[in-house]
C-alpha cells in the first residue's frame, strides 16, 4: 500500500491511497541441475541424503555413503 500527496491548483491538495505500481516482469535465466552424488549419482528422490562440500574452488555433492570421513 502506498500514498501520494498531490498539490493541485490554488490550495487544493489531493491524497491518493492504495496505489499499486506495476513493474515489468523480468525473465530469470539460470541453469539448474539436480544435486546428486559425484561418485554413485544417487539423489534425494532415491531416499538418500546429499551433502555439499566445497573442495578448492568447486562445490561437490556427496551422498551419505560417500561423504569423506575426514569431515
Protein backbone atom coordinates (compact mmCIF):
# COMPACT_ATOMS: atom_id res chain seq x y z
CA UNK A 1 0.00 0.00 0.00
CA UNK A 2 1.25 3.47 -0.77
CA UNK A 3 0.08 7.05 -0.51
CA UNK A 4 0.83 10.10 -2.61
CA UNK A 5 0.04 13.72 -1.80
CA UNK A 6 -0.50 15.82 -4.91
CA UNK A 7 -0.71 19.59 -4.85
CA UNK A 8 -3.43 20.96 -7.07
CA UNK A 9 -4.20 24.41 -8.37
CA UNK A 10 -4.57 27.00 -5.63
CA UNK A 11 -4.84 25.47 -2.17
CA UNK A 12 -6.30 22.14 -3.26
CA UNK A 13 -4.42 19.06 -2.13
CA UNK A 14 -5.25 15.52 -3.15
CA UNK A 15 -4.33 12.37 -1.27
CA UNK A 16 -4.19 9.20 -3.34
CA UNK A 17 -4.21 5.95 -1.39
CA UNK A 18 -3.72 2.29 -2.24
CA UNK A 19 -1.70 2.90 -5.37
CA UNK A 20 -0.08 -0.12 -6.97
CA UNK A 21 2.70 0.46 -9.42
CA UNK A 22 3.12 -2.46 -11.74
CA UNK A 23 6.59 -3.48 -12.78
CA UNK A 24 7.59 -5.24 -15.91
CA UNK A 25 8.23 -8.91 -15.16
CA UNK A 26 11.79 -9.97 -15.74
CA UNK A 27 12.78 -13.34 -17.07
CA UNK A 28 15.12 -15.22 -14.77
CA UNK A 29 17.73 -17.17 -16.66
CA UNK A 30 19.53 -19.89 -14.79
CA UNK A 31 20.91 -23.35 -15.22
CA UNK A 32 19.76 -25.80 -12.58
CA UNK A 33 20.88 -29.37 -12.05
CA UNK A 34 19.65 -31.87 -9.51
CA UNK A 35 22.02 -32.38 -6.59
CA UNK A 36 23.45 -35.87 -6.97
CA UNK A 37 26.47 -37.68 -5.57
CA UNK A 38 29.51 -37.29 -7.82
CA UNK A 39 30.56 -40.90 -7.15
CA UNK A 40 27.37 -43.00 -7.43
CA UNK A 41 24.95 -40.43 -8.94
CA UNK A 42 22.27 -41.07 -6.28
CA UNK A 43 19.97 -38.14 -5.44
CA UNK A 44 17.29 -37.07 -2.98
CA UNK A 45 14.44 -38.74 -4.87
CA UNK A 46 16.03 -42.13 -4.11
CA UNK A 47 15.76 -41.53 -0.34
CA UNK A 48 19.46 -40.70 0.10
CA UNK A 49 20.73 -37.58 1.83
CA UNK A 50 23.03 -35.42 -0.28
CA UNK A 51 25.53 -33.00 1.29
CA UNK A 52 27.51 -30.24 -0.44
CA UNK A 53 31.22 -29.87 0.30
CA UNK A 54 33.43 -27.12 -1.07
CA UNK A 55 36.70 -28.56 -2.29
CA UNK A 56 39.08 -25.92 -3.57
CA UNK A 57 37.05 -23.57 -5.74
CA UNK A 58 34.39 -26.15 -6.68
CA UNK A 59 31.27 -27.36 -4.87
CA UNK A 60 30.96 -31.14 -4.78
CA UNK A 61 27.93 -33.22 -3.76
CA UNK A 62 28.28 -36.46 -1.80
CA UNK A 63 25.63 -38.95 -0.68
CA UNK A 64 25.50 -40.27 2.87
CA UNK A 65 27.54 -43.32 1.83
CA UNK A 66 30.38 -41.49 0.03
CA UNK A 67 30.86 -38.40 2.20
CA UNK A 68 34.60 -38.05 3.02
CA UNK A 69 35.37 -39.41 6.50
CA UNK A 70 37.78 -36.58 7.44
CA UNK A 71 34.93 -34.05 7.56
